[in-house]
């Protein structure tokens, strides 16, 4: 799956999970700037894992601060 396709799916999930406008979701967007707390991030990671059929390890999770970081983690999983 190419990066653009992954980004689109991640943006959809971020929009649904964090209740933000999908059009405002860019690779540079930081989850903390959206006011996401640890529960929100856990919910988002679970949705990403379900959507992409993978498991993100704890090391990957620690490095996810932006939407782009999430895309990178999915590509590298």
PDB file of N, CA and C in Angstrom:
ATOM      1  N   UNK A   1       0.852  -1.172   0.000  1.00  0.00           N
ATOM      2  CA  UNK A   1       0.000   0.000   0.000  1.00  0.00           C
ATOM      3  C   UNK A   1       0.900   1.239   0.000  1.00  0.00           C
ATOM      4  N   UNK A   2       0.570   2.206  -0.851  1.00  0.00           N
ATOM      5  CA  UNK A   2       1.428   3.386  -0.944  1.00  0.00           C
ATOM      6  C   UNK A   2       1.118   4.387   0.170  1.00  0.00           C
ATOM      7  N   UNK A   3       2.048   5.313   0.358  1.00  0.00           N
ATOM      8  CA  UNK A   3       1.966   6.262   1.469  1.00  0.00           C
ATOM      9  C   UNK A   3       0.694   7.113   1.406  1.00  0.00           C
ATOM     10  N   UNK A   4       0.313   7.547   0.217  1.00  0.00           N
ATOM     11  CA  UNK A   4      -0.871   8.399   0.075  1.00  0.00           C
ATOM     12  C   UNK A   4      -2.136   7.664   0.515  1.00  0.00           C
ATOM     13  N   UNK A   5      -2.227   6.390   0.190  1.00  0.00           N
ATOM     14  CA  UNK A   5      -3.384   5.588   0.572  1.00  0.00           C
ATOM     15  C   UNK A   5      -3.422   5.401   2.091  1.00  0.00           C
ATOM     16  N   UNK A   6      -2.252   5.113   2.670  1.00  0.00           N
ATOM     17  CA  UNK A   6      -2.170   4.960   4.126  1.00  0.00           C
ATOM     18  C   UNK A   6      -2.554   6.269   4.803  1.00  0.00           C
ATOM     19  N   UNK A   7      -2.013   7.390   4.312  1.00  0.00           N
ATOM     20  CA  UNK A   7      -2.316   8.701   4.895  1.00  0.00           C
ATOM     21  C   UNK A   7      -3.814   8.988   4.848  1.00  0.00           C
ATOM     22  N   UNK A   8      -4.461   8.680   3.743  1.00  0.00           N
ATOM     23  CA  UNK A   8      -5.903   8.926   3.629  1.00  0.00           C
ATOM     24  C   UNK A   8      -6.662   8.117   4.671  1.00  0.00           C
ATOM     25  N   UNK A   9      -6.319   6.848   4.841  1.00  0.00           N
ATOM     26  CA  UNK A   9      -7.009   6.012   5.823  1.00  0.00           C
ATOM     27  C   UNK A   9      -6.720   6.488   7.252  1.00  0.00           C
ATOM     28  N   UNK A  10      -5.470   6.880   7.512  1.00  0.00           N
ATOM     29  CA  UNK A  10      -5.121   7.396   8.840  1.00  0.00           C
ATOM     30  C   UNK A  10      -5.894   8.683   9.115  1.00  0.00           C
ATOM     31  N   UNK A  11      -5.973   9.559   8.127  1.00  0.00           N
ATOM     32  CA  UNK A  11      -6.714  10.818   8.293  1.00  0.00           C
ATOM     33  C   UNK A  11      -8.183  10.549   8.607  1.00  0.00           C
ATOM     34  N   UNK A  12      -8.772   9.563   7.928  1.00  0.00           N
ATOM     35  CA  UNK A  12     -10.166   9.201   8.201  1.00  0.00           C
ATOM     36  C   UNK A  12     -10.331   8.737   9.645  1.00  0.00           C
ATOM     37  N   UNK A  13      -9.415   7.882  10.102  1.00  0.00           N
ATOM     38  CA  UNK A  13      -9.507   7.354  11.462  1.00  0.00           C
ATOM     39  C   UNK A  13      -9.251   8.434  12.507  1.00  0.00           C
ATOM     40  N   UNK A  14      -8.296   9.326  12.244  1.00  0.00           N
ATOM     41  CA  UNK A  14      -8.031  10.441  13.161  1.00  0.00           C
ATOM     42  C   UNK A  14      -9.279  11.319  13.252  1.00  0.00           C
ATOM     43  N   UNK A  15      -9.886  11.592  12.121  1.00  0.00           N
ATOM     44  CA  UNK A  15     -11.088  12.415  12.083  1.00  0.00           C
ATOM     45  C   UNK A  15     -12.209  11.788  12.897  1.00  0.00           C
ATOM     46  N   UNK A  16     -12.440  10.485  12.705  1.00  0.00           N
ATOM     47  CA  UNK A  16     -13.500   9.785  13.434  1.00  0.00           C
ATOM     48  C   UNK A  16     -13.192   9.689  14.926  1.00  0.00           C
ATOM     49  N   UNK A  17     -11.971   9.305  15.248  1.00  0.00           N
ATOM     50  CA  UNK A  17     -11.611   9.042  16.639  1.00  0.00           C
ATOM     51  C   UNK A  17     -11.496  10.313  17.469  1.00  0.00           C
ATOM     52  N   UNK A  18     -10.880  11.336  16.893  1.00  0.00           N
ATOM     53  CA  UNK A  18     -10.625  12.567  17.646  1.00  0.00           C
ATOM     54  C   UNK A  18     -11.614  13.684  17.314  1.00  0.00           C
ATOM     55  N   UNK A  19     -12.591  13.355  16.467  1.00  0.00           N
ATOM     56  CA  UNK A  19     -13.655  14.292  16.109  1.00  0.00           C
ATOM     57  C   UNK A  19     -13.118  15.625  15.602  1.00  0.00           C
ATOM     58  N   UNK A  20     -12.270  15.520  14.564  1.00  0.00           N
ATOM     59  CA  UNK A  20     -11.747  16.706  13.892  1.00  0.00           C
ATOM     60  C   UNK A  20     -12.090  16.609  12.408  1.00  0.00           C
ATOM     61  N   UNK A  21     -12.039  17.743  11.738  1.00  0.00           N
ATOM     62  CA  UNK A  21     -12.314  17.780  10.307  1.00  0.00           C
ATOM     63  C   UNK A  21     -11.206  17.045   9.563  1.00  0.00           C
ATOM     64  N   UNK A  22     -11.585  16.070   8.761  1.00  0.00           N
ATOM     65  CA  UNK A  22     -10.601  15.271   8.031  1.00  0.00           C
ATOM     66  C   UNK A  22      -9.704  16.137   7.150  1.00  0.00           C
ATOM     67  N   UNK A  23     -10.256  17.200   6.585  1.00  0.00           N
ATOM     68  CA  UNK A  23      -9.485  18.075   5.705  1.00  0.00           C
ATOM     69  C   UNK A  23      -8.341  18.771   6.446  1.00  0.00           C
ATOM     70  N   UNK A  24      -8.445  18.881   7.770  1.00  0.00           N
ATOM     71  CA  UNK A  24      -7.401  19.558   8.547  1.00  0.00           C
ATOM     72  C   UNK A  24      -6.272  18.608   8.972  1.00  0.00           C
ATOM     73  N   UNK A  25      -6.420  17.325   8.667  1.00  0.00           N
ATOM     74  CA  UNK A  25      -5.435  16.336   9.096  1.00  0.00           C
ATOM     75  C   UNK A  25      -4.308  16.258   8.068  1.00  0.00           C
ATOM     76  N   UNK A  26      -3.120  16.695   8.488  1.00  0.00           N
ATOM     77  CA  UNK A  26      -1.926  16.645   7.636  1.00  0.00           C
ATOM     78  C   UNK A  26      -0.865  15.788   8.312  1.00  0.00           C
ATOM     79  N   UNK A  27       0.171  15.436   7.571  1.00  0.00           N
ATOM     80  CA  UNK A  27       1.240  14.614   8.140  1.00  0.00           C
ATOM     81  C   UNK A  27       1.946  15.316   9.290  1.00  0.00           C
ATOM     82  N   UNK A  28       1.989  16.639   9.277  1.00  0.00           N
ATOM     83  CA  UNK A  28       2.703  17.394  10.298  1.00  0.00           C
ATOM     84  C   UNK A  28       1.879  17.604  11.569  1.00  0.00           C
ATOM     85  N   UNK A  29       0.594  17.317  11.512  1.00  0.00           N
ATOM     86  CA  UNK A  29      -0.300  17.555  12.644  1.00  0.00           C
ATOM     87  C   UNK A  29       0.093  16.695  13.838  1.00  0.00           C
ATOM     88  N   UNK A  30       0.300  17.361  14.973  1.00  0.00           N
ATOM     89  CA  UNK A  30       0.662  16.651  16.214  1.00  0.00           C
ATOM     90  C   UNK A  30      -0.613  16.286  16.970  1.00  0.00           C
ATOM     91  N   UNK A  31      -0.649  15.064  17.485  1.00  0.00           N
ATOM     92  CA  UNK A  31      -1.826  14.616  18.220  1.00  0.00           C
ATOM     93  C   UNK A  31      -2.068  15.472  19.461  1.00  0.00           C
ATOM     94  N   UNK A  32      -1.002  15.920  20.102  1.00  0.00           N
ATOM     95  CA  UNK A  32      -1.185  16.760  21.291  1.00  0.00           C
ATOM     96  C   UNK A  32      -1.830  18.097  20.933  1.00  0.00           C
ATOM     97  N   UNK A  33      -1.604  18.580  19.698  1.00  0.00           N
ATOM     98  CA  UNK A  33      -2.233  19.824  19.266  1.00  0.00           C
ATOM     99  C   UNK A  33      -3.743  19.669  19.091  1.00  0.00           C
ATOM    100  N   UNK A  34      -4.190  18.419  18.968  1.00  0.00           N
ATOM    101  CA  UNK A  34      -5.619  18.134  18.867  1.00  0.00           C
ATOM    102  C   UNK A  34      -6.244  17.912  20.238  1.00  0.00           C
ATOM    103  N   UNK A  35      -5.414  17.981  21.276  1.00  0.00           N
ATOM    104  CA  UNK A  35      -5.907  17.756  22.626  1.00  0.00           C
ATOM    105  C   UNK A  35      -6.097  16.285  22.953  1.00  0.00           C
ATOM    106  N   UNK A  36      -5.455  15.411  22.177  1.00  0.00           N
ATOM    107  CA  UNK A  36      -5.600  13.971  22.397  1.00  0.00           C
ATOM    108  C   UNK A  36      -4.898  13.560  23.688  1.00  0.00           C
ATOM    109  N   UNK A  37      -5.635  12.835  24.531  1.00  0.00           N
ATOM    110  CA  UNK A  37      -5.027  12.305  25.745  1.00  0.00           C
ATOM    111  C   UNK A  37      -4.637  10.843  25.507  1.00  0.00           C
ATOM    112  N   UNK A  38      -4.118  10.197  26.525  1.00  0.00           N
ATOM    113  CA  UNK A  38      -3.621   8.832  26.350  1.00  0.00           C
ATOM    114  C   UNK A  38      -4.744   7.866  25.969  1.00  0.00           C
ATOM    115  N   UNK A  39      -5.948   8.093  26.483  1.00  0.00           N
ATOM    116  CA  UNK A  39      -7.075   7.245  26.116  1.00  0.00           C
ATOM    117  C   UNK A  39      -7.415   7.407  24.636  1.00  0.00           C
ATOM    118  N   UNK A  40      -7.426   8.663  24.156  1.00  0.00           N
ATOM    119  CA  UNK A  40      -7.699   8.930  22.738  1.00  0.00           C
ATOM    120  C   UNK A  40      -6.665   8.233  21.857  1.00  0.00           C
ATOM    121  N   UNK A  41      -5.404   8.314  22.263  1.00  0.00           N
ATOM    122  CA  UNK A  41      -4.344   7.698  21.466  1.00  0.00           C
ATOM    123  C   UNK A  41      -4.457   6.178  21.461  1.00  0.00           C
ATOM    124  N   UNK A  42      -4.825   5.599  22.592  1.00  0.00           N
ATOM    125  CA  UNK A  42      -5.023   4.153  22.648  1.00  0.00           C
ATOM    126  C   UNK A  42      -6.166   3.738  21.724  1.00  0.00           C
ATOM    127  N   UNK A  43      -7.236   4.497  21.744  1.00  0.00           N
ATOM    128  CA  UNK A  43      -8.379   4.223  20.863  1.00  0.00           C
ATOM    129  C   UNK A  43      -7.958   4.334  19.392  1.00  0.00           C
ATOM    130  N   UNK A  44      -7.165   5.343  19.081  1.00  0.00           N
ATOM    131  CA  UNK A  44      -6.696   5.546  17.709  1.00  0.00           C
ATOM    132  C   UNK A  44      -5.776   4.412  17.271  1.00  0.00           C
ATOM    133  N   UNK A  45      -4.838   4.035  18.116  1.00  0.00           N
ATOM    134  CA  UNK A  45      -3.919   2.945  17.781  1.00  0.00           C
ATOM    135  C   UNK A  45      -4.695   1.652  17.545  1.00  0.00           C
ATOM    136  N   UNK A  46      -5.676   1.378  18.373  1.00  0.00           N
ATOM    137  CA  UNK A  46      -6.503   0.181  18.196  1.00  0.00           C
ATOM    138  C   UNK A  46      -7.224   0.225  16.849  1.00  0.00           C
ATOM    139  N   UNK A  47      -7.760   1.381  16.493  1.00  0.00           N
ATOM    140  CA  UNK A  47      -8.448   1.538  15.206  1.00  0.00           C
ATOM    141  C   UNK A  47      -7.476   1.345  14.043  1.00  0.00           C
ATOM    142  N   UNK A  48      -6.260   1.884  14.179  1.00  0.00           N
ATOM    143  CA  UNK A  48      -5.250   1.718  13.128  1.00  0.00           C
ATOM    144  C   UNK A  48      -4.859   0.257  12.973  1.00  0.00           C
ATOM    145  N   UNK A  49      -4.647  -0.418  14.089  1.00  0.00           N
ATOM    146  CA  UNK A  49      -4.271  -1.831  14.045  1.00  0.00           C
ATOM    147  C   UNK A  49      -5.374  -2.660  13.393  1.00  0.00           C
ATOM    148  N   UNK A  50      -6.622  -2.379  13.725  1.00  0.00           N
ATOM    149  CA  UNK A  50      -7.744  -3.096  13.133  1.00  0.00           C
ATOM    150  C   UNK A  50      -7.842  -2.819  11.633  1.00  0.00           C
ATOM    151  N   UNK A  51      -7.717  -1.558  11.256  1.00  0.00           N
ATOM    152  CA  UNK A  51      -7.848  -1.153   9.852  1.00  0.00           C
ATOM    153  C   UNK A  51      -6.769  -1.785   8.970  1.00  0.00           C
ATOM    154  N   UNK A  52      -5.538  -1.801   9.488  1.00  0.00           N
ATOM    155  CA  UNK A  52      -4.419  -2.261   8.674  1.00  0.00           C
ATOM    156  C   UNK A  52      -4.013  -3.704   8.964  1.00  0.00           C
ATOM    157  N   UNK A  53      -4.689  -4.351   9.922  1.00  0.00           N
ATOM    158  CA  UNK A  53      -4.411  -5.747  10.223  1.00  0.00           C
ATOM    159  C   UNK A  53      -3.006  -5.983  10.725  1.00  0.00           C
ATOM    160  N   UNK A  54      -2.564  -5.138  11.643  1.00  0.00           N
ATOM    161  CA  UNK A  54      -1.215  -5.260  12.186  1.00  0.00           C
ATOM    162  C   UNK A  54      -1.196  -4.943  13.663  1.00  0.00           C
ATOM    163  N   UNK A  55      -0.056  -5.180  14.273  1.00  0.00           N
ATOM    164  CA  UNK A  55       0.144  -4.832  15.675  1.00  0.00           C
ATOM    165  C   UNK A  55       1.354  -3.922  15.755  1.00  0.00           C
ATOM    166  N   UNK A  56       1.167  -2.753  16.344  1.00  0.00           N
ATOM    167  CA  UNK A  56       2.269  -1.812  16.520  1.00  0.00           C
ATOM    168  C   UNK A  56       2.944  -2.116  17.853  1.00  0.00           C
ATOM    169  N   UNK A  57       4.254  -2.315  17.822  1.00  0.00           N
ATOM    170  CA  UNK A  57       4.960  -2.633  19.062  1.00  0.00           C
ATOM    171  C   UNK A  57       5.164  -1.379  19.909  1.00  0.00           C
ATOM    172  N   UNK A  58       5.483  -1.598  21.165  1.00  0.00           N
ATOM    173  CA  UNK A  58       5.620  -0.484  22.108  1.00  0.00           C
ATOM    174  C   UNK A  58       6.673   0.532  21.680  1.00  0.00           C
ATOM    175  N   UNK A  59       7.755   0.070  21.057  1.00  0.00           N
ATOM    176  CA  UNK A  59       8.799   0.996  20.597  1.00  0.00           C
ATOM    177  C   UNK A  59       8.239   1.937  19.532  1.00  0.00           C
ATOM    178  N   UNK A  60       7.436   1.402  18.622  1.00  0.00           N
ATOM    179  CA  UNK A  60       6.826   2.227  17.578  1.00  0.00           C
ATOM    180  C   UNK A  60       5.876   3.248  18.182  1.00  0.00           C
ATOM    181  N   UNK A  61       5.101   2.818  19.156  1.00  0.00           N
ATOM    182  CA  UNK A  61       4.112   3.708  19.766  1.00  0.00           C
ATOM    183  C   UNK A  61       4.752   4.905  20.444  1.00  0.00           C
ATOM    184  N   UNK A  62       5.885   4.691  21.056  1.00  0.00           N
ATOM    185  CA  UNK A  62       6.572   5.772  21.763  1.00  0.00           C
ATOM    186  C   UNK A  62       7.027   6.873  20.816  1.00  0.00           C
ATOM    187  N   UNK A  63       7.218   6.513  19.544  1.00  0.00           N
ATOM    188  CA  UNK A  63       7.715   7.475  18.559  1.00  0.00           C
ATOM    189  C   UNK A  63       6.619   8.170  17.761  1.00  0.00           C
ATOM    190  N   UNK A  64       5.367   7.862  18.043  1.00  0.00           N
ATOM    191  CA  UNK A  64       4.269   8.439  17.268  1.00  0.00           C
ATOM    192  C   UNK A  64       3.775   9.718  17.946  1.00  0.00           C
ATOM    193  N   UNK A  65       4.147  10.847  17.354  1.00  0.00           N
ATOM    194  CA  UNK A  65       3.695  12.143  17.864  1.00  0.00           C
ATOM    195  C   UNK A  65       2.850  12.881  16.826  1.00  0.00           C
ATOM    196  N   UNK A  66       3.054  12.547  15.548  1.00  0.00           N
ATOM    197  CA  UNK A  66       2.334  13.220  14.466  1.00  0.00           C
ATOM    198  C   UNK A  66       1.615  12.193  13.597  1.00  0.00           C
ATOM    199  N   UNK A  67       0.754  12.694  12.743  1.00  0.00           N
ATOM    200  CA  UNK A  67       0.069  11.823  11.790  1.00  0.00           C
ATOM    201  C   UNK A  67       1.103  11.143  10.889  1.00  0.00           C
ATOM    202  N   UNK A  68       2.124  11.874  10.472  1.00  0.00           N
ATOM    203  CA  UNK A  68       3.185  11.301   9.647  1.00  0.00           C
ATOM    204  C   UNK A  68       3.915  10.179  10.347  1.00  0.00           C
ATOM    205  N   UNK A  69       4.123  10.334  11.656  1.00  0.00           N
ATOM    206  CA  UNK A  69       4.765   9.269  12.450  1.00  0.00           C
ATOM    207  C   UNK A  69       3.898   8.002  12.429  1.00  0.00           C
ATOM    208  N   UNK A  70       2.585   8.178  12.501  1.00  0.00           N
ATOM    209  CA  UNK A  70       1.676   7.025  12.454  1.00  0.00           C
ATOM    210  C   UNK A  70       1.763   6.337  11.098  1.00  0.00           C
ATOM    211  N   UNK A  71       1.823   7.120  10.038  1.00  0.00           N
ATOM    212  CA  UNK A  71       1.959   6.550   8.689  1.00  0.00           C
ATOM    213  C   UNK A  71       3.276   5.775   8.588  1.00  0.00           C
ATOM    214  N   UNK A  72       4.360   6.362   9.092  1.00  0.00           N
ATOM    215  CA  UNK A  72       5.657   5.692   9.075  1.00  0.00           C
ATOM    216  C   UNK A  72       5.598   4.362   9.826  1.00  0.00           C
ATOM    217  N   UNK A  73       4.972   4.367  11.004  1.00  0.00           N
ATOM    218  CA  UNK A  73       4.890   3.149  11.826  1.00  0.00           C
ATOM    219  C   UNK A  73       4.112   2.061  11.085  1.00  0.00           C
ATOM    220  N   UNK A  74       3.067   2.440  10.377  1.00  0.00           N
ATOM    221  CA  UNK A  74       2.270   1.467   9.615  1.00  0.00           C
ATOM    222  C   UNK A  74       3.088   0.929   8.453  1.00  0.00           C
ATOM    223  N   UNK A  75       3.790   1.798   7.754  1.00  0.00           N
ATOM    224  CA  UNK A  75       4.616   1.351   6.636  1.00  0.00           C
ATOM    225  C   UNK A  75       5.731   0.409   7.096  1.00  0.00           C
ATOM    226  N   UNK A  76       6.243   0.629   8.282  1.00  0.00           N
ATOM    227  CA  UNK A  76       7.373  -0.158   8.777  1.00  0.00           C
ATOM    228  C   UNK A  76       6.955  -1.389   9.570  1.00  0.00           C
ATOM    229  N   UNK A  77       5.664  -1.557   9.795  1.00  0.00           N
ATOM    230  CA  UNK A  77       5.180  -2.698  10.595  1.00  0.00           C
ATOM    231  C   UNK A  77       5.236  -3.991   9.811  1.00  0.00           C
TER     232      UNK A  77
END
